[in-house]
Amino acid sequence: MLVVMALVAASCKTTEENYRSAYEIAAERKMGSSSNRDLRGFIEREKRLSETRVIAGDSVRVVTERVSLVDGNNGTLHKYCVVVGDFKQVFNARSFRNRINEAEGDSTQSYVVMNPEKIYYVVYKGFAVKEDAAMFLRNKDNFKILVPKKDPWIVEVP
């Protein structure tokens, strides 16, 4: 009986191999779930950004999204914002906004806004009426600086 108890006690001990295998399983689970979540978020965002509306006879990407003003434009957030860039870091968004300000001179109305996912949008100009925003967006000569986005879009603030 003593021999059996000794064998049972010896087999229940934790070893480095047990710890390592448990850690690897937990790491795989965590990595798999976060990458799936990131992929889902990316797909949802791209789907939202690809929606178009017909405004004043032209197809325009319009995204309805809650955004908050980060800085610029004397604290005024317009209902329709022409977005020319999106960044993960506020420093990069502000730098691009500053380049727009330099190119535009004193007539600039650009500012930086942030969505709930903490993506920073550089707004070239804001409008109260969506038709005005669509007309501005349609004429590429309105942009005095090369915009990094192939197709700028409009963010409609609810």
N, C-alpha and C. Protein backbone atom coordinates (compact mmCIF):
# COMPACT_ATOMS: atom_id res chain seq x y z
N MET A 1 0.81 -1.19 0.00
CA MET A 1 0.00 0.00 0.00
C MET A 1 0.86 1.26 0.00
N LEU A 2 1.95 1.19 0.75
CA LEU A 2 2.86 2.31 0.81
C LEU A 2 3.48 2.59 -0.56
N VAL A 3 3.78 1.56 -1.31
CA VAL A 3 4.36 1.71 -2.64
C VAL A 3 3.36 2.39 -3.58
N VAL A 4 2.09 2.00 -3.50
CA VAL A 4 1.05 2.59 -4.35
C VAL A 4 0.89 4.07 -4.04
N MET A 5 0.87 4.44 -2.77
CA MET A 5 0.73 5.84 -2.37
C MET A 5 1.93 6.66 -2.84
N ALA A 6 3.10 6.11 -2.81
CA ALA A 6 4.30 6.80 -3.27
C ALA A 6 4.23 7.06 -4.77
N LEU A 7 3.75 6.06 -5.53
CA LEU A 7 3.61 6.24 -6.98
C LEU A 7 2.56 7.29 -7.31
N VAL A 8 1.45 7.31 -6.60
CA VAL A 8 0.39 8.30 -6.84
C VAL A 8 0.89 9.69 -6.52
N ALA A 9 1.58 9.86 -5.43
CA ALA A 9 2.09 11.17 -5.03
C ALA A 9 3.12 11.67 -6.04
N ALA A 10 3.95 10.78 -6.56
CA ALA A 10 4.98 11.18 -7.53
C ALA A 10 4.36 11.59 -8.86
N SER A 11 3.26 10.98 -9.26
CA SER A 11 2.66 11.29 -10.56
C SER A 11 1.86 12.59 -10.54
N CYS A 12 1.52 13.12 -9.39
CA CYS A 12 0.73 14.36 -9.30
C CYS A 12 1.59 15.61 -9.25
N LYS A 13 2.88 15.47 -9.21
CA LYS A 13 3.74 16.64 -9.13
C LYS A 13 3.70 17.44 -10.43
N THR A 14 3.79 18.76 -10.28
CA THR A 14 3.86 19.62 -11.46
C THR A 14 5.30 19.68 -11.93
N THR A 15 5.45 19.74 -13.22
CA THR A 15 6.80 19.81 -13.79
C THR A 15 6.88 21.02 -14.70
N GLU A 16 8.08 21.32 -15.09
CA GLU A 16 8.29 22.44 -16.02
C GLU A 16 7.59 22.18 -17.34
N GLU A 17 7.56 20.94 -17.76
CA GLU A 17 6.90 20.59 -19.02
C GLU A 17 5.39 20.86 -18.93
N ASN A 18 4.78 20.55 -17.79
CA ASN A 18 3.36 20.82 -17.60
C ASN A 18 3.08 22.33 -17.66
N TYR A 19 3.91 23.11 -16.98
CA TYR A 19 3.73 24.56 -16.99
C TYR A 19 3.87 25.11 -18.42
N ARG A 20 4.89 24.64 -19.13
CA ARG A 20 5.16 25.11 -20.48
C ARG A 20 3.98 24.80 -21.42
N SER A 21 3.47 23.59 -21.35
CA SER A 21 2.36 23.22 -22.24
C SER A 21 1.10 24.01 -21.90
N ALA A 22 0.84 24.25 -20.62
CA ALA A 22 -0.32 25.05 -20.23
C ALA A 22 -0.17 26.49 -20.71
N TYR A 23 1.03 27.04 -20.60
CA TYR A 23 1.29 28.40 -21.06
C TYR A 23 1.11 28.52 -22.57
N GLU A 24 1.62 27.55 -23.31
CA GLU A 24 1.49 27.59 -24.77
C GLU A 24 0.02 27.50 -25.21
N ILE A 25 -0.76 26.66 -24.54
CA ILE A 25 -2.18 26.55 -24.87
C ILE A 25 -2.89 27.87 -24.59
N ALA A 26 -2.61 28.47 -23.45
CA ALA A 26 -3.24 29.75 -23.10
C ALA A 26 -2.82 30.85 -24.07
N ALA A 27 -1.56 30.86 -24.46
CA ALA A 27 -1.08 31.88 -25.40
C ALA A 27 -1.75 31.72 -26.77
N GLU A 28 -1.92 30.48 -27.23
CA GLU A 28 -2.59 30.24 -28.51
C GLU A 28 -4.04 30.69 -28.47
N ARG A 29 -4.71 30.42 -27.38
CA ARG A 29 -6.12 30.84 -27.24
C ARG A 29 -6.23 32.36 -27.26
N LYS A 30 -5.35 33.01 -26.51
CA LYS A 30 -5.39 34.47 -26.45
C LYS A 30 -5.07 35.07 -27.81
N MET A 31 -4.08 34.56 -28.48
CA MET A 31 -3.68 35.09 -29.78
C MET A 31 -4.78 34.87 -30.81
N GLY A 32 -5.40 33.73 -30.79
CA GLY A 32 -6.46 33.44 -31.74
C GLY A 32 -7.66 34.34 -31.55
N SER A 33 -8.07 34.58 -30.32
CA SER A 33 -9.26 35.40 -30.07
C SER A 33 -9.00 36.86 -30.39
N SER A 34 -7.82 37.39 -30.08
CA SER A 34 -7.55 38.79 -30.37
C SER A 34 -7.41 39.03 -31.87
N SER A 35 -6.81 38.09 -32.58
CA SER A 35 -6.67 38.29 -34.02
C SER A 35 -8.03 38.21 -34.71
N ASN A 36 -8.91 37.32 -34.23
CA ASN A 36 -10.27 37.26 -34.79
C ASN A 36 -11.02 38.54 -34.51
N ARG A 37 -10.87 39.09 -33.32
CA ARG A 37 -11.54 40.34 -32.96
C ARG A 37 -11.01 41.47 -33.82
N ASP A 38 -9.69 41.54 -34.02
CA ASP A 38 -9.11 42.58 -34.86
C ASP A 38 -9.61 42.45 -36.29
N LEU A 39 -9.69 41.22 -36.79
CA LEU A 39 -10.17 40.99 -38.15
C LEU A 39 -11.63 41.40 -38.28
N ARG A 40 -12.45 41.04 -37.29
CA ARG A 40 -13.86 41.44 -37.32
C ARG A 40 -13.99 42.96 -37.32
N GLY A 41 -13.23 43.63 -36.48
CA GLY A 41 -13.26 45.09 -36.42
C GLY A 41 -12.84 45.71 -37.73
N PHE A 42 -11.80 45.15 -38.36
CA PHE A 42 -11.34 45.66 -39.64
C PHE A 42 -12.41 45.49 -40.71
N ILE A 43 -13.05 44.32 -40.74
CA ILE A 43 -14.09 44.05 -41.75
C ILE A 43 -15.28 44.99 -41.54
N GLU A 44 -15.71 45.17 -40.29
CA GLU A 44 -16.83 46.07 -40.02
C GLU A 44 -16.50 47.50 -40.43
N ARG A 45 -15.29 47.95 -40.14
CA ARG A 45 -14.89 49.32 -40.48
C ARG A 45 -14.83 49.51 -41.99
N GLU A 46 -14.26 48.55 -42.70
CA GLU A 46 -14.19 48.65 -44.16
C GLU A 46 -15.58 48.63 -44.79
N LYS A 47 -16.45 47.82 -44.24
CA LYS A 47 -17.82 47.76 -44.75
C LYS A 47 -18.52 49.11 -44.56
N ARG A 48 -18.32 49.69 -43.38
CA ARG A 48 -18.91 50.99 -43.10
C ARG A 48 -18.35 52.07 -44.00
N LEU A 49 -17.03 52.02 -44.25
CA LEU A 49 -16.40 53.04 -45.08
C LEU A 49 -16.71 52.88 -46.56
N SER A 50 -17.18 51.73 -46.97
CA SER A 50 -17.46 51.53 -48.39
C SER A 50 -18.90 51.88 -48.76
N GLU A 51 -19.73 52.27 -47.79
CA GLU A 51 -21.10 52.64 -48.08
C GLU A 51 -21.12 53.97 -48.84
N THR A 52 -21.93 54.02 -49.90
CA THR A 52 -22.05 55.24 -50.67
C THR A 52 -23.49 55.71 -50.69
N ARG A 53 -23.65 57.00 -50.86
CA ARG A 53 -24.97 57.62 -51.01
C ARG A 53 -24.92 58.51 -52.24
N VAL A 54 -26.07 58.72 -52.83
CA VAL A 54 -26.16 59.65 -53.95
C VAL A 54 -26.57 61.00 -53.39
N ILE A 55 -25.68 61.97 -53.55
CA ILE A 55 -25.93 63.33 -53.08
C ILE A 55 -25.68 64.28 -54.24
N ALA A 56 -26.67 65.06 -54.58
CA ALA A 56 -26.59 66.03 -55.68
C ALA A 56 -26.14 65.34 -56.97
N GLY A 57 -26.66 64.14 -57.22
CA GLY A 57 -26.37 63.43 -58.46
C GLY A 57 -25.03 62.75 -58.51
N ASP A 58 -24.33 62.65 -57.39
CA ASP A 58 -23.00 62.04 -57.37
C ASP A 58 -22.93 61.00 -56.25
N SER A 59 -22.26 59.89 -56.50
CA SER A 59 -22.06 58.87 -55.48
C SER A 59 -20.91 59.27 -54.58
N VAL A 60 -21.20 59.36 -53.30
CA VAL A 60 -20.21 59.82 -52.32
C VAL A 60 -20.23 58.86 -51.14
N ARG A 61 -19.02 58.56 -50.62
CA ARG A 61 -18.95 57.75 -49.41
C ARG A 61 -19.30 58.65 -48.23
N VAL A 62 -20.34 58.26 -47.50
CA VAL A 62 -20.76 58.99 -46.31
C VAL A 62 -20.84 57.99 -45.17
N VAL A 63 -20.12 58.28 -44.10
CA VAL A 63 -20.10 57.42 -42.93
C VAL A 63 -20.73 58.19 -41.78
N THR A 64 -21.78 57.64 -41.20
CA THR A 64 -22.38 58.25 -40.02
C THR A 64 -21.67 57.67 -38.81
N GLU A 65 -21.00 58.56 -38.07
CA GLU A 65 -20.17 58.10 -36.97
C GLU A 65 -20.07 59.19 -35.91
N ARG A 66 -20.09 58.76 -34.67
CA ARG A 66 -19.88 59.70 -33.58
C ARG A 66 -18.40 60.04 -33.52
N VAL A 67 -18.12 61.31 -33.58
CA VAL A 67 -16.74 61.77 -33.45
C VAL A 67 -16.71 62.92 -32.46
N SER A 68 -15.55 63.12 -31.88
CA SER A 68 -15.38 64.26 -30.98
C SER A 68 -14.20 65.08 -31.47
N LEU A 69 -14.32 66.38 -31.28
CA LEU A 69 -13.29 67.31 -31.73
C LEU A 69 -12.06 67.17 -30.84
N VAL A 70 -10.91 66.98 -31.47
CA VAL A 70 -9.66 66.90 -30.72
C VAL A 70 -9.03 68.28 -30.64
N ASP A 71 -8.83 68.90 -31.79
CA ASP A 71 -8.34 70.28 -31.79
C ASP A 71 -8.49 70.91 -33.17
N GLY A 72 -8.38 72.22 -33.18
CA GLY A 72 -8.47 72.98 -34.43
C GLY A 72 -9.84 73.59 -34.62
N ASN A 73 -9.94 74.51 -35.56
CA ASN A 73 -11.18 75.14 -36.00
C ASN A 73 -11.95 75.82 -34.87
N ASN A 74 -11.27 76.35 -33.90
CA ASN A 74 -11.88 77.13 -32.82
C ASN A 74 -13.02 76.42 -32.10
N GLY A 75 -12.93 75.12 -31.96
CA GLY A 75 -13.92 74.38 -31.19
C GLY A 75 -15.25 74.13 -31.87
N THR A 76 -15.35 74.29 -33.19
CA THR A 76 -16.60 74.06 -33.90
C THR A 76 -16.53 72.75 -34.67
N LEU A 77 -17.48 71.86 -34.40
CA LEU A 77 -17.57 70.59 -35.11
C LEU A 77 -18.78 70.67 -36.03
N HIS A 78 -18.54 70.54 -37.33
CA HIS A 78 -19.61 70.65 -38.31
C HIS A 78 -20.34 69.31 -38.47
N LYS A 79 -21.55 69.36 -39.00
CA LYS A 79 -22.37 68.17 -39.20
C LYS A 79 -21.78 67.26 -40.27
N TYR A 80 -21.22 67.82 -41.34
CA TYR A 80 -20.64 67.05 -42.44
C TYR A 80 -19.17 67.43 -42.58
N CYS A 81 -18.30 66.45 -42.39
CA CYS A 81 -16.85 66.68 -42.38
C CYS A 81 -16.20 65.95 -43.55
N VAL A 82 -15.43 66.67 -44.36
CA VAL A 82 -14.69 66.05 -45.46
C VAL A 82 -13.37 65.53 -44.89
N VAL A 83 -13.25 64.21 -44.80
CA VAL A 83 -12.09 63.57 -44.20
C VAL A 83 -11.07 63.23 -45.28
N VAL A 84 -9.83 63.64 -45.06
CA VAL A 84 -8.77 63.39 -46.03
C VAL A 84 -7.68 62.47 -45.50
N GLY A 85 -7.77 62.09 -44.24
CA GLY A 85 -6.77 61.18 -43.69
C GLY A 85 -7.23 60.61 -42.37
N ASP A 86 -6.81 59.38 -42.09
CA ASP A 86 -7.09 58.79 -40.79
C ASP A 86 -5.81 58.18 -40.24
N PHE A 87 -5.63 58.36 -38.94
CA PHE A 87 -4.39 57.96 -38.30
C PHE A 87 -4.68 57.29 -36.96
N LYS A 88 -3.76 56.44 -36.53
CA LYS A 88 -3.90 55.79 -35.23
C LYS A 88 -3.28 56.64 -34.12
N GLN A 89 -2.42 57.57 -34.49
CA GLN A 89 -1.77 58.41 -33.49
C GLN A 89 -2.15 59.87 -33.73
N VAL A 90 -2.47 60.56 -32.65
CA VAL A 90 -2.90 61.95 -32.75
C VAL A 90 -1.76 62.83 -33.26
N PHE A 91 -0.52 62.48 -32.95
CA PHE A 91 0.62 63.27 -33.42
C PHE A 91 0.66 63.32 -34.95
N ASN A 92 0.45 62.17 -35.60
CA ASN A 92 0.47 62.12 -37.06
C ASN A 92 -0.70 62.91 -37.65
N ALA A 93 -1.86 62.82 -37.02
CA ALA A 93 -3.03 63.56 -37.50
C ALA A 93 -2.79 65.06 -37.39
N ARG A 94 -2.24 65.48 -36.27
CA ARG A 94 -1.96 66.92 -36.10
C ARG A 94 -0.91 67.40 -37.08
N SER A 95 0.10 66.59 -37.33
CA SER A 95 1.14 66.97 -38.29
C SER A 95 0.55 67.17 -39.68
N PHE A 96 -0.33 66.26 -40.09
CA PHE A 96 -0.95 66.39 -41.41
C PHE A 96 -1.87 67.61 -41.45
N ARG A 97 -2.61 67.83 -40.36
CA ARG A 97 -3.46 69.02 -40.29
C ARG A 97 -2.63 70.29 -40.40
N ASN A 98 -1.47 70.31 -39.75
CA ASN A 98 -0.59 71.48 -39.82
C ASN A 98 -0.08 71.71 -41.24
N ARG A 99 0.20 70.62 -41.98
CA ARG A 99 0.62 70.78 -43.38
C ARG A 99 -0.51 71.36 -44.22
N ILE A 100 -1.73 70.96 -43.94
CA ILE A 100 -2.88 71.54 -44.65
C ILE A 100 -2.98 73.02 -44.33
N ASN A 101 -2.84 73.37 -43.06
CA ASN A 101 -2.91 74.77 -42.65
C ASN A 101 -1.86 75.61 -43.35
N GLU A 102 -0.64 75.08 -43.47
CA GLU A 102 0.42 75.82 -44.15
C GLU A 102 0.10 76.01 -45.63
N ALA A 103 -0.45 74.99 -46.27
CA ALA A 103 -0.78 75.08 -47.70
C ALA A 103 -1.95 76.02 -47.95
N GLU A 104 -2.90 76.04 -47.05
CA GLU A 104 -4.11 76.86 -47.21
C GLU A 104 -3.90 78.31 -46.78
N GLY A 105 -2.97 78.54 -45.89
CA GLY A 105 -2.78 79.90 -45.38
C GLY A 105 -3.83 80.22 -44.33
N ASP A 106 -4.31 81.45 -44.31
CA ASP A 106 -5.27 81.88 -43.30
C ASP A 106 -6.68 81.37 -43.53
N SER A 107 -6.98 80.90 -44.74
CA SER A 107 -8.34 80.49 -45.05
C SER A 107 -8.66 79.06 -44.62
N THR A 108 -7.77 78.41 -43.89
CA THR A 108 -7.95 77.01 -43.56
C THR A 108 -9.06 76.79 -42.54
N GLN A 109 -9.72 75.66 -42.69
CA GLN A 109 -10.75 75.26 -41.75
C GLN A 109 -10.53 73.81 -41.33
N SER A 110 -9.31 73.31 -41.43
CA SER A 110 -9.05 71.91 -41.11
C SER A 110 -8.96 71.70 -39.60
N TYR A 111 -9.32 70.49 -39.18
CA TYR A 111 -9.25 70.14 -37.78
C TYR A 111 -9.15 68.63 -37.63
N VAL A 112 -8.93 68.16 -36.40
CA VAL A 112 -8.77 66.75 -36.10
C VAL A 112 -9.93 66.31 -35.21
N VAL A 113 -10.54 65.17 -35.58
CA VAL A 113 -11.59 64.56 -34.76
C VAL A 113 -11.19 63.12 -34.46
N MET A 114 -11.85 62.54 -33.45
CA MET A 114 -11.54 61.17 -33.04
C MET A 114 -12.84 60.38 -32.94
N ASN A 115 -12.81 59.13 -33.46
CA ASN A 115 -13.99 58.27 -33.35
C ASN A 115 -13.87 57.42 -32.09
N PRO A 116 -14.91 56.64 -31.74
CA PRO A 116 -14.85 55.84 -30.51
C PRO A 116 -13.75 54.79 -30.49
N GLU A 117 -13.27 54.34 -31.66
CA GLU A 117 -12.18 53.36 -31.71
C GLU A 117 -10.81 54.01 -31.60
N LYS A 118 -10.80 55.32 -31.32
CA LYS A 118 -9.57 56.11 -31.19
C LYS A 118 -8.78 56.16 -32.49
N ILE A 119 -9.50 56.31 -33.59
CA ILE A 119 -8.90 56.60 -34.88
C ILE A 119 -9.08 58.10 -35.10
N TYR A 120 -8.00 58.78 -35.45
CA TYR A 120 -8.02 60.23 -35.61
C TYR A 120 -8.21 60.57 -37.08
N TYR A 121 -9.25 61.34 -37.37
CA TYR A 121 -9.55 61.78 -38.73
C TYR A 121 -9.10 63.22 -38.90
N VAL A 122 -8.47 63.49 -40.04
CA VAL A 122 -8.13 64.86 -40.38
C VAL A 122 -9.23 65.37 -41.30
N VAL A 123 -9.92 66.39 -40.85
CA VAL A 123 -11.02 66.99 -41.60
C VAL A 123 -10.47 68.19 -42.35
N TYR A 124 -10.58 68.14 -43.67
CA TYR A 124 -10.09 69.26 -44.49
C TYR A 124 -10.98 70.46 -44.31
N LYS A 125 -12.29 70.23 -44.33
CA LYS A 125 -13.24 71.31 -44.18
C LYS A 125 -14.57 70.73 -43.72
N GLY A 126 -15.31 71.48 -42.91
CA GLY A 126 -16.60 71.05 -42.44
C GLY A 126 -17.72 71.88 -43.04
N PHE A 127 -18.90 71.27 -43.15
CA PHE A 127 -20.06 71.93 -43.76
C PHE A 127 -21.30 71.65 -42.93
N ALA A 128 -22.27 72.54 -43.02
CA ALA A 128 -23.55 72.35 -42.35
C ALA A 128 -24.53 71.58 -43.23
N VAL A 129 -24.32 71.61 -44.55
CA VAL A 129 -25.23 71.00 -45.51
C VAL A 129 -24.47 69.93 -46.29
N LYS A 130 -25.05 68.73 -46.41
CA LYS A 130 -24.35 67.62 -47.06
C LYS A 130 -24.11 67.86 -48.55
N GLU A 131 -25.00 68.60 -49.21
CA GLU A 131 -24.80 68.89 -50.64
C GLU A 131 -23.55 69.75 -50.85
N ASP A 132 -23.32 70.71 -49.94
CA ASP A 132 -22.12 71.54 -50.03
C ASP A 132 -20.86 70.70 -49.84
N ALA A 133 -20.91 69.77 -48.90
CA ALA A 133 -19.76 68.89 -48.66
C ALA A 133 -19.50 68.01 -49.88
N ALA A 134 -20.57 67.49 -50.50
CA ALA A 134 -20.41 66.65 -51.69
C ALA A 134 -19.85 67.45 -52.86
N MET A 135 -20.28 68.68 -53.03
CA MET A 135 -19.76 69.54 -54.11
C MET A 135 -18.27 69.83 -53.88
N PHE A 136 -17.89 70.11 -52.64
CA PHE A 136 -16.49 70.37 -52.33
C PHE A 136 -15.65 69.13 -52.60
N LEU A 137 -16.17 67.98 -52.22
CA LEU A 137 -15.45 66.72 -52.39
C LEU A 137 -15.30 66.36 -53.86
N ARG A 138 -16.28 66.67 -54.66
CA ARG A 138 -16.27 66.33 -56.08
C ARG A 138 -15.16 67.06 -56.83
N ASN A 139 -14.89 68.31 -56.47
CA ASN A 139 -13.89 69.11 -57.18
C ASN A 139 -12.53 68.94 -56.50
N LYS A 140 -11.66 68.16 -57.10
CA LYS A 140 -10.33 67.87 -56.52
C LYS A 140 -9.44 69.11 -56.50
N ASP A 141 -9.78 70.15 -57.26
CA ASP A 141 -8.99 71.39 -57.24
C ASP A 141 -9.15 72.14 -55.92
N ASN A 142 -10.15 71.79 -55.13
CA ASN A 142 -10.33 72.44 -53.82
C ASN A 142 -9.22 72.07 -52.84
N PHE A 143 -8.57 70.93 -53.09
CA PHE A 143 -7.51 70.48 -52.19
C PHE A 143 -6.18 71.05 -52.66
N LYS A 144 -5.59 71.90 -51.83
CA LYS A 144 -4.32 72.53 -52.21
C LYS A 144 -3.11 71.71 -51.78
N ILE A 145 -3.36 70.55 -51.20
CA ILE A 145 -2.29 69.66 -50.77
C ILE A 145 -2.68 68.25 -51.21
N LEU A 146 -1.69 67.45 -51.53
CA LEU A 146 -1.95 66.07 -51.93
C LEU A 146 -2.46 65.30 -50.72
N VAL A 147 -3.64 64.71 -50.85
CA VAL A 147 -4.23 63.97 -49.73
C VAL A 147 -3.79 62.52 -49.80
N PRO A 148 -3.50 61.89 -48.65
CA PRO A 148 -3.02 60.51 -48.67
C PRO A 148 -4.10 59.51 -49.06
N LYS A 149 -5.34 59.86 -48.87
CA LYS A 149 -6.43 58.95 -49.22
C LYS A 149 -6.74 59.08 -50.71
N LYS A 150 -6.92 57.95 -51.36
CA LYS A 150 -7.29 57.96 -52.77
C LYS A 150 -8.64 58.65 -52.96
N ASP A 151 -9.57 58.31 -52.10
CA ASP A 151 -10.89 58.89 -52.16
C ASP A 151 -11.28 59.42 -50.78
N PRO A 152 -11.19 60.71 -50.58
CA PRO A 152 -11.68 61.25 -49.30
C PRO A 152 -13.17 60.97 -49.17
N TRP A 153 -13.68 61.00 -47.98
CA TRP A 153 -15.08 60.72 -47.74
C TRP A 153 -15.67 61.75 -46.79
N ILE A 154 -16.96 61.61 -46.53
CA ILE A 154 -17.66 62.53 -45.64
C ILE A 154 -18.08 61.76 -44.38
N VAL A 155 -17.79 62.35 -43.24
CA VAL A 155 -18.29 61.82 -41.98
C VAL A 155 -19.48 62.68 -41.58
N GLU A 156 -20.61 62.02 -41.41
CA GLU A 156 -21.82 62.70 -40.94
C GLU A 156 -21.89 62.51 -39.43
N VAL A 157 -21.90 63.62 -38.70
CA VAL A 157 -21.94 63.56 -37.25
C VAL A 157 -23.40 63.52 -36.83
N PRO A 158 -23.82 62.46 -36.12
CA PRO A 158 -25.23 62.36 -35.72
C PRO A 158 -25.63 63.38 -34.68
